[in-house]
Amino acid sequence: MYGRVLAGLCALAVAMTLAACGSSDSGDKTKAAGGAGTTASTKPLNIGVFATQANAFFAKQTETAREWAAKNGAKVTVYDPGFDPQKQFAQIQDAIAQGKLDGMVIAPLNGPSLAPLAAQAHKAGIATVAVSTPLSTDYASTDPKVPGLDGLVWEPLVNVGDILARQVAAACEGIDPCKAVYLSVSPTLPAETALYNAYEQTLKSHANITVLPQMGPTMAQRGPTVGITQDLLQAHPDVNVIASSDQALFGAEVALKKAGKSIGTGPGDVRLVGSGGTVDGVQRVADGAWASTHIALPVETMTQALTILEDAISGKLTAPKGLDPVADSKYPSVMTKEAVKQSGFRGEYNG
């Protein structure tokens, strides 16, 4: 999610928060002159990161938060819900009730269901930032919207779906008809639904492209995607383009090779379109094995989230803040072979 965040035919993955210190009496947030890692009484900040660690994108975000905490004398506690939205809700609710956290960074599995908890956290003096998925049902903007939320750092999934579709259209150039499929993180997740709707809408204007039904869930992992791709090839052995998260595409490669399919960008090759911009995925693109990959920036995402939290702690944050790390990046959002060569981008995490 994301990191993206992201996904393709069978299914893909998803959603983190971090925060600040406050007075237990009034809930006012204060920051010591010595730095973000301590309160006015020199007590180390205790930050909760709520994110699925089985997803490489969110694991890298967590690593970034831990590095920040070590540098600033803070403490990071990780709450891993797996891929269970109800468990994540309970983890956040319990953490607020316990009153031990100064701040939270949340990578939501089902953002809208967590919205009431942002207000509860704010009342408890806990600064909160959502990353990679919003707590509202607005998947087209960076506006935090939800009361009590200090910030939202993500690339809107409507944008991601549109960009993914444009990558597919580019991979389908010269092929008519071109059968394309998206392997999804998890088709039942609201965020994935928003992404896929945008993806389908963009591809409607390309008469040469046949959009095959999406498949999933890949959970943005290699293992599940192998079987999903095998099922795909049984139903559509003449598929031309497969789009999914970088992580899932490595699983798709295994199934394609077992089926004797050639992978690449030449005539007769099955063309792979990624989302994630992982170190491995970018290298695949540079080697000409994949058509392209849409970048995701977990390090920059968490860094921006922490900056918002620092401002919330110090009182500098006058209004909730939303940021898009990909739009703010110096790199092009889609890595083609030529873009990799020109930009020097190598990826922020391994898939």
Protein backbone atom coordinates (compact mmCIF):
# COMPACT_ATOMS: atom_id res chain seq x y z
CA MET A 1 0.00 0.00 0.00
CA TYR A 2 -0.81 0.61 -1.21
CA GLY A 3 2.60 -0.05 -0.18
CA ARG A 4 1.73 0.80 -1.69
CA VAL A 5 1.25 0.18 -1.53
CA LEU A 6 -0.75 -2.67 -4.13
CA ALA A 7 -2.02 -5.46 -6.29
CA GLY A 8 -3.19 -7.19 -9.44
CA LEU A 9 -5.34 -10.14 -10.67
CA CYS A 10 -5.78 -12.39 -7.66
CA ALA A 11 -5.50 -10.16 -4.62
CA LEU A 12 -3.22 -7.87 -2.75
CA ALA A 13 -2.50 -6.16 0.40
CA VAL A 14 -2.96 -3.16 2.35
CA ALA A 15 -2.37 -0.26 5.21
CA MET A 16 0.26 2.37 9.88
CA THR A 17 0.24 5.49 12.70
CA LEU A 18 2.64 7.29 15.06
CA ALA A 19 2.45 10.11 17.54
CA ALA A 20 3.32 12.35 20.37
CA CYS A 21 3.39 13.16 24.05
CA GLY A 22 0.76 14.88 26.17
CA SER A 23 -0.26 16.00 29.61
CA SER A 24 -2.23 13.27 31.35
CA ASP A 25 -4.34 15.96 32.98
CA SER A 26 -5.42 18.05 30.01
CA GLY A 27 -4.44 16.04 26.92
CA ASP A 28 -2.36 19.04 25.69
CA LYS A 29 0.64 17.89 23.67
CA THR A 30 4.08 19.23 24.63
CA LYS A 31 7.61 18.74 23.33
CA ALA A 32 10.83 19.02 25.26
CA ALA A 33 13.53 21.34 23.98
CA GLY A 34 15.79 18.30 23.86
CA GLY A 35 13.99 16.72 20.92
CA ALA A 36 10.96 14.78 19.73
CA GLY A 37 11.89 11.65 21.64
CA THR A 38 11.22 13.06 25.11
CA THR A 39 8.46 14.88 26.97
CA ALA A 40 9.00 17.92 29.13
CA SER A 41 9.80 15.54 32.01
CA THR A 42 12.33 13.67 29.82
CA LYS A 43 10.06 10.65 29.64
CA PRO A 44 10.68 8.75 26.36
CA LEU A 45 7.83 8.81 23.89
CA ASN A 46 5.93 5.54 23.55
CA ILE A 47 4.71 5.16 19.97
CA GLY A 48 2.39 2.46 18.69
CA VAL A 49 2.67 1.27 15.12
CA PHE A 50 -0.39 -0.67 13.98
CA ALA A 51 0.45 -2.46 10.73
CA THR A 52 0.56 -5.85 9.07
CA GLN A 53 4.15 -7.05 9.20
CA ALA A 54 3.65 -9.85 6.65
CA ASN A 55 3.53 -7.14 3.99
CA ALA A 56 7.01 -5.92 3.01
CA PHE A 57 5.84 -2.34 2.46
CA PHE A 58 4.49 -1.96 5.98
CA ALA A 59 7.39 -3.87 7.50
CA LYS A 60 9.72 -1.28 5.96
CA GLN A 61 7.60 1.52 7.41
CA THR A 62 7.92 -0.10 10.83
CA GLU A 63 11.70 -0.38 10.40
CA THR A 64 11.81 3.32 9.57
CA ALA A 65 9.81 4.17 12.70
CA ARG A 66 12.16 2.10 14.84
CA GLU A 67 15.19 3.83 13.37
CA TRP A 68 13.61 7.20 14.15
CA ALA A 69 12.81 6.07 17.69
CA ALA A 70 16.37 4.84 18.30
CA LYS A 71 17.75 8.15 17.06
CA ASN A 72 15.37 10.19 19.22
CA GLY A 73 15.35 8.10 22.38
CA ALA A 74 11.75 6.99 21.90
CA LYS A 75 10.08 3.58 22.14
CA VAL A 76 8.14 1.86 19.36
CA THR A 77 5.61 -0.88 20.11
CA VAL A 78 4.38 -2.84 17.07
CA TYR A 79 0.84 -4.22 16.92
CA ASP A 80 0.52 -6.72 14.08
CA PRO A 81 -3.08 -7.66 13.22
CA GLY A 82 -2.15 -9.97 10.37
CA PHE A 83 -4.85 -9.36 7.78
CA ASP A 84 -7.70 -9.22 10.30
CA PRO A 85 -9.47 -5.80 10.40
CA GLN A 86 -11.42 -6.70 13.55
CA LYS A 87 -8.22 -7.61 15.37
CA GLN A 88 -6.66 -4.29 14.36
CA PHE A 89 -9.70 -2.42 15.69
CA ALA A 90 -9.43 -4.25 19.03
CA GLN A 91 -5.67 -3.61 19.25
CA ILE A 92 -6.11 0.14 18.78
CA GLN A 93 -9.09 0.32 21.11
CA ASP A 94 -7.21 -1.55 23.84
CA ALA A 95 -4.11 0.60 23.42
CA ILE A 96 -6.15 3.79 23.84
CA ALA A 97 -7.86 2.41 26.93
CA GLN A 98 -4.55 1.40 28.52
CA GLY A 99 -3.29 4.97 28.17
CA LYS A 100 0.37 4.05 27.75
CA LEU A 101 0.93 5.39 24.24
CA ASP A 102 1.86 8.96 23.40
CA GLY A 103 1.14 8.53 19.73
CA MET A 104 0.04 6.14 16.99
CA VAL A 105 0.83 5.49 13.35
CA ILE A 106 -1.87 3.36 11.78
CA ALA A 107 -1.82 1.48 8.47
CA PRO A 108 -5.54 0.63 8.33
CA LEU A 109 -6.92 -2.62 6.98
CA ASN A 110 -10.44 -1.19 6.99
CA GLY A 111 -10.03 2.55 7.45
CA PRO A 112 -13.65 3.70 7.87
CA SER A 113 -14.23 1.24 10.72
CA LEU A 114 -11.37 2.87 12.64
CA ALA A 115 -12.63 6.45 12.30
CA PRO A 116 -14.33 6.58 15.74
CA LEU A 117 -11.05 5.55 17.37
CA ALA A 118 -9.28 8.67 16.07
CA ALA A 119 -11.63 10.85 18.11
CA GLN A 120 -11.10 8.63 21.16
CA ALA A 121 -7.33 8.87 20.79
CA HIS A 122 -7.49 12.66 20.45
CA LYS A 123 -9.57 12.92 23.63
CA ALA A 124 -6.98 10.74 25.38
CA GLY A 125 -4.16 13.07 24.29
CA ILE A 126 -2.75 10.66 21.70
CA ALA A 127 -1.57 12.11 18.39
CA THR A 128 -2.55 9.93 15.42
CA VAL A 129 -1.50 9.72 11.78
CA ALA A 130 -2.87 7.27 9.23
CA VAL A 131 -0.58 6.02 6.46
CA SER A 132 -1.26 4.34 3.13
CA THR A 133 -5.04 4.15 3.64
CA PRO A 134 -7.50 6.79 4.91
CA LEU A 135 -9.93 6.45 7.79
CA SER A 136 -12.63 8.07 5.67
CA THR A 137 -14.29 6.71 2.53
CA ASP A 138 -12.58 9.34 0.37
CA TYR A 139 -10.04 7.40 -1.68
CA ALA A 140 -9.34 10.28 -4.05
CA SER A 141 -7.67 12.90 -1.82
CA THR A 142 -5.15 13.41 0.99
CA ASP A 143 -7.61 15.34 3.17
CA PRO A 144 -7.59 13.62 6.61
CA LYS A 145 -11.32 14.48 7.03
CA VAL A 146 -11.83 12.32 10.15
CA PRO A 147 -12.22 14.25 13.46
CA GLY A 148 -9.28 13.68 15.79
CA LEU A 149 -6.86 12.59 13.07
CA ASP A 150 -3.69 14.70 12.93
CA GLY A 151 -2.53 13.57 9.52
CA LEU A 152 -2.88 11.31 6.51
CA VAL A 153 0.11 10.31 4.39
CA TRP A 154 -0.65 8.27 1.30
CA GLU A 155 -1.04 8.24 -2.46
CA PRO A 156 -4.81 8.23 -3.13
CA LEU A 157 -5.85 4.82 -4.44
CA VAL A 158 -8.01 6.33 -7.15
CA ASN A 159 -4.76 7.74 -8.55
CA VAL A 160 -3.02 4.38 -8.13
CA GLY A 161 -5.80 2.54 -10.00
CA ASP A 162 -5.65 5.04 -12.85
CA ILE A 163 -1.87 4.84 -13.10
CA LEU A 164 -1.93 1.04 -12.97
CA ALA A 165 -4.44 1.01 -15.83
CA ARG A 166 -2.23 3.34 -17.86
CA GLN A 167 0.67 0.96 -17.30
CA VAL A 168 -1.50 -1.90 -18.59
CA ALA A 169 -2.50 0.17 -21.63
CA ALA A 170 1.16 0.84 -22.41
CA ALA A 171 1.98 -2.87 -22.06
CA CYS A 172 -0.89 -3.70 -24.42
CA GLU A 173 0.32 -1.42 -27.21
CA GLY A 174 0.48 -3.35 -30.48
CA ILE A 175 -1.65 -6.21 -29.14
CA ASP A 176 -5.25 -6.52 -30.32
CA PRO A 177 -7.08 -8.01 -28.58
CA CYS A 178 -5.04 -7.67 -25.39
CA LYS A 179 -6.32 -9.70 -22.44
CA ALA A 180 -5.34 -8.09 -19.15
CA VAL A 181 -5.99 -9.13 -15.57
CA TYR A 182 -5.50 -7.59 -12.15
CA LEU A 183 -4.51 -9.79 -9.19
CA SER A 184 -5.90 -8.02 -6.13
CA VAL A 185 -4.68 -7.81 -2.57
CA SER A 186 -8.15 -8.58 -1.33
CA PRO A 187 -11.19 -7.76 -3.47
CA THR A 188 -13.42 -7.34 -0.39
CA LEU A 189 -11.42 -4.47 1.11
CA PRO A 190 -13.00 -1.03 0.51
CA ALA A 191 -9.65 0.46 -0.48
CA GLU A 192 -9.08 -2.24 -3.09
CA THR A 193 -12.57 -1.69 -4.46
CA ALA A 194 -11.79 2.00 -4.98
CA LEU A 195 -8.53 1.14 -6.71
CA TYR A 196 -10.13 -1.42 -9.01
CA ASN A 197 -13.04 0.81 -9.97
CA ALA A 198 -10.59 3.50 -11.09
CA TYR A 199 -8.54 0.88 -12.95
CA GLU A 200 -11.59 -0.40 -14.84
CA GLN A 201 -12.83 3.08 -15.64
CA THR A 202 -9.53 4.11 -17.23
CA LEU A 203 -9.29 0.95 -19.34
CA LYS A 204 -12.78 1.48 -20.81
CA SER A 205 -11.32 3.96 -23.28
CA HIS A 206 -8.92 1.36 -24.73
CA ALA A 207 -10.83 -0.66 -27.33
CA ASN A 208 -8.06 -3.21 -27.82
CA ILE A 209 -8.05 -4.28 -24.15
CA THR A 210 -10.24 -7.05 -22.74
CA VAL A 211 -10.43 -6.65 -18.97
CA LEU A 212 -10.57 -10.11 -17.40
CA PRO A 213 -12.28 -10.51 -13.99
CA GLN A 214 -9.94 -9.69 -11.13
CA MET A 215 -8.71 -12.54 -8.95
CA GLY A 216 -7.54 -12.76 -5.37
CA PRO A 217 -6.69 -12.39 -2.66
CA THR A 218 -2.91 -12.36 -3.18
CA MET A 219 -2.37 -10.54 0.13
CA ALA A 220 0.56 -8.96 -1.74
CA GLN A 221 2.54 -12.15 -1.18
CA ARG A 222 4.31 -14.56 -3.50
CA GLY A 223 2.97 -17.84 -2.12
CA PRO A 224 -0.78 -17.32 -2.61
CA THR A 225 -0.21 -15.77 -6.04
CA VAL A 226 1.33 -18.93 -7.48
CA GLY A 227 -1.95 -20.85 -7.17
CA ILE A 228 -4.02 -17.85 -8.27
CA THR A 229 -1.97 -17.50 -11.43
CA GLN A 230 -2.26 -21.20 -12.14
CA ASP A 231 -6.05 -20.86 -11.94
CA LEU A 232 -5.84 -17.85 -14.22
CA LEU A 233 -3.87 -19.75 -16.85
CA GLN A 234 -6.37 -22.60 -16.81
CA ALA A 235 -9.22 -20.19 -17.50
CA HIS A 236 -7.30 -17.81 -19.78
CA PRO A 237 -4.16 -19.47 -21.18
CA ASP A 238 -3.84 -16.63 -23.70
CA VAL A 239 -3.62 -13.83 -21.12
CA ASN A 240 -1.33 -11.04 -22.34
CA VAL A 241 -0.83 -8.76 -19.33
CA ILE A 242 -0.89 -9.40 -15.59
CA ALA A 243 -0.98 -6.46 -13.18
CA SER A 244 -0.44 -6.77 -9.44
CA SER A 245 1.78 -5.74 -6.57
CA ASP A 246 5.47 -6.36 -7.11
CA GLN A 247 5.43 -8.99 -4.38
CA ALA A 248 2.59 -10.88 -6.02
CA LEU A 249 4.20 -10.73 -9.46
CA PHE A 250 7.12 -12.82 -8.23
CA GLY A 251 4.60 -15.53 -7.43
CA ALA A 252 3.00 -15.07 -10.84
CA GLU A 253 6.42 -15.58 -12.44
CA VAL A 254 6.72 -18.99 -10.80
CA ALA A 255 3.37 -20.15 -12.20
CA LEU A 256 4.07 -18.72 -15.66
CA LYS A 257 7.42 -20.47 -15.89
CA LYS A 258 5.91 -23.77 -14.76
CA ALA A 259 3.35 -23.39 -17.54
CA GLY A 260 6.08 -22.80 -20.10
CA LYS A 261 5.12 -19.17 -20.69
CA SER A 262 7.73 -16.61 -21.71
CA ILE A 263 7.89 -13.42 -19.65
CA GLY A 264 9.08 -10.10 -21.00
CA THR A 265 8.14 -7.29 -23.34
CA GLY A 266 8.63 -9.01 -26.69
CA PRO A 267 6.16 -10.61 -29.12
CA GLY A 268 4.37 -13.54 -27.49
CA ASP A 269 5.62 -12.70 -24.00
CA VAL A 270 3.28 -12.36 -21.02
CA ARG A 271 3.86 -8.80 -19.86
CA LEU A 272 3.98 -8.01 -16.15
CA VAL A 273 2.96 -4.66 -14.67
CA GLY A 274 3.84 -4.03 -11.05
CA SER A 275 2.88 -1.70 -8.24
CA GLY A 276 5.32 -1.08 -5.43
CA GLY A 277 8.61 -0.08 -6.97
CA THR A 278 10.46 -2.64 -4.84
CA VAL A 279 14.22 -3.08 -5.18
CA ASP A 280 13.65 -6.46 -6.88
CA GLY A 281 10.81 -5.16 -9.05
CA VAL A 282 12.75 -2.14 -10.28
CA GLN A 283 15.62 -4.45 -11.19
CA ARG A 284 13.20 -6.66 -13.16
CA VAL A 285 12.10 -3.59 -15.09
CA ALA A 286 15.69 -2.50 -15.68
CA ASP A 287 16.49 -5.98 -17.01
CA GLY A 288 13.52 -5.85 -19.41
CA ALA A 289 11.70 -8.72 -17.70
CA TRP A 290 8.77 -6.54 -16.55
CA ALA A 291 7.05 -3.78 -18.49
CA SER A 292 6.92 -1.32 -15.58
CA THR A 293 6.27 -0.79 -11.89
CA HIS A 294 4.53 2.06 -10.08
CA ILE A 295 6.66 3.30 -7.21
CA ALA A 296 5.68 3.29 -3.54
CA LEU A 297 7.79 5.00 -0.88
CA PRO A 298 7.45 3.44 2.58
CA VAL A 299 10.47 5.25 4.03
CA GLU A 300 9.30 8.65 2.82
CA THR A 301 5.73 7.88 3.90
CA MET A 302 6.75 7.13 7.48
CA THR A 303 9.19 10.03 7.55
CA GLN A 304 6.45 12.47 6.54
CA ALA A 305 4.08 10.91 9.08
CA LEU A 306 6.64 11.41 11.86
CA THR A 307 7.16 15.02 10.82
CA ILE A 308 3.44 15.68 11.18
CA LEU A 309 3.49 14.02 14.61
CA GLU A 310 6.43 16.12 15.73
CA ASP A 311 4.50 19.24 14.76
CA ALA A 312 1.46 17.96 16.64
CA ILE A 313 3.59 17.33 19.72
CA SER A 314 5.21 20.76 19.64
CA GLY A 315 1.95 22.56 18.98
CA LYS A 316 3.07 23.73 15.55
CA LEU A 317 0.33 21.75 13.80
CA THR A 318 -2.54 24.20 13.49
CA ALA A 319 -4.75 21.93 11.35
CA PRO A 320 -4.77 18.28 10.24
CA LYS A 321 -2.32 17.74 7.39
CA GLY A 322 -2.42 15.48 4.33
CA LEU A 323 0.54 14.57 2.12
CA ASP A 324 1.17 12.44 -0.98
CA PRO A 325 4.76 11.12 -0.82
CA VAL A 326 4.77 9.96 -4.44
CA ALA A 327 3.52 13.28 -5.79
CA ASP A 328 6.14 15.05 -3.65
CA SER A 329 8.92 12.76 -4.86
CA LYS A 330 11.65 13.81 -7.28
CA TYR A 331 11.14 10.52 -9.13
CA PRO A 332 8.60 9.72 -11.88
CA SER A 333 5.71 7.68 -10.48
CA VAL A 334 6.12 4.87 -13.03
CA MET A 335 9.41 3.10 -13.59
CA THR A 336 9.96 1.86 -17.14
CA LYS A 337 13.32 0.61 -18.32
CA GLU A 338 14.17 4.07 -19.59
CA ALA A 339 12.88 5.79 -16.43
CA VAL A 340 15.06 3.58 -14.23
CA LYS A 341 18.10 4.45 -16.32
CA GLN A 342 17.42 8.18 -16.29
CA SER A 343 16.28 8.58 -12.66
CA GLY A 344 18.63 6.19 -10.90
CA PHE A 345 15.73 5.01 -8.70
CA ARG A 346 16.44 1.67 -7.01
CA GLY A 347 13.50 1.21 -4.66
CA GLU A 348 13.11 1.73 -0.90
CA TYR A 349 12.28 -1.84 0.13
CA ASN A 350 12.64 -5.46 -0.92
CA GLY A 351 9.59 -7.34 -2.20
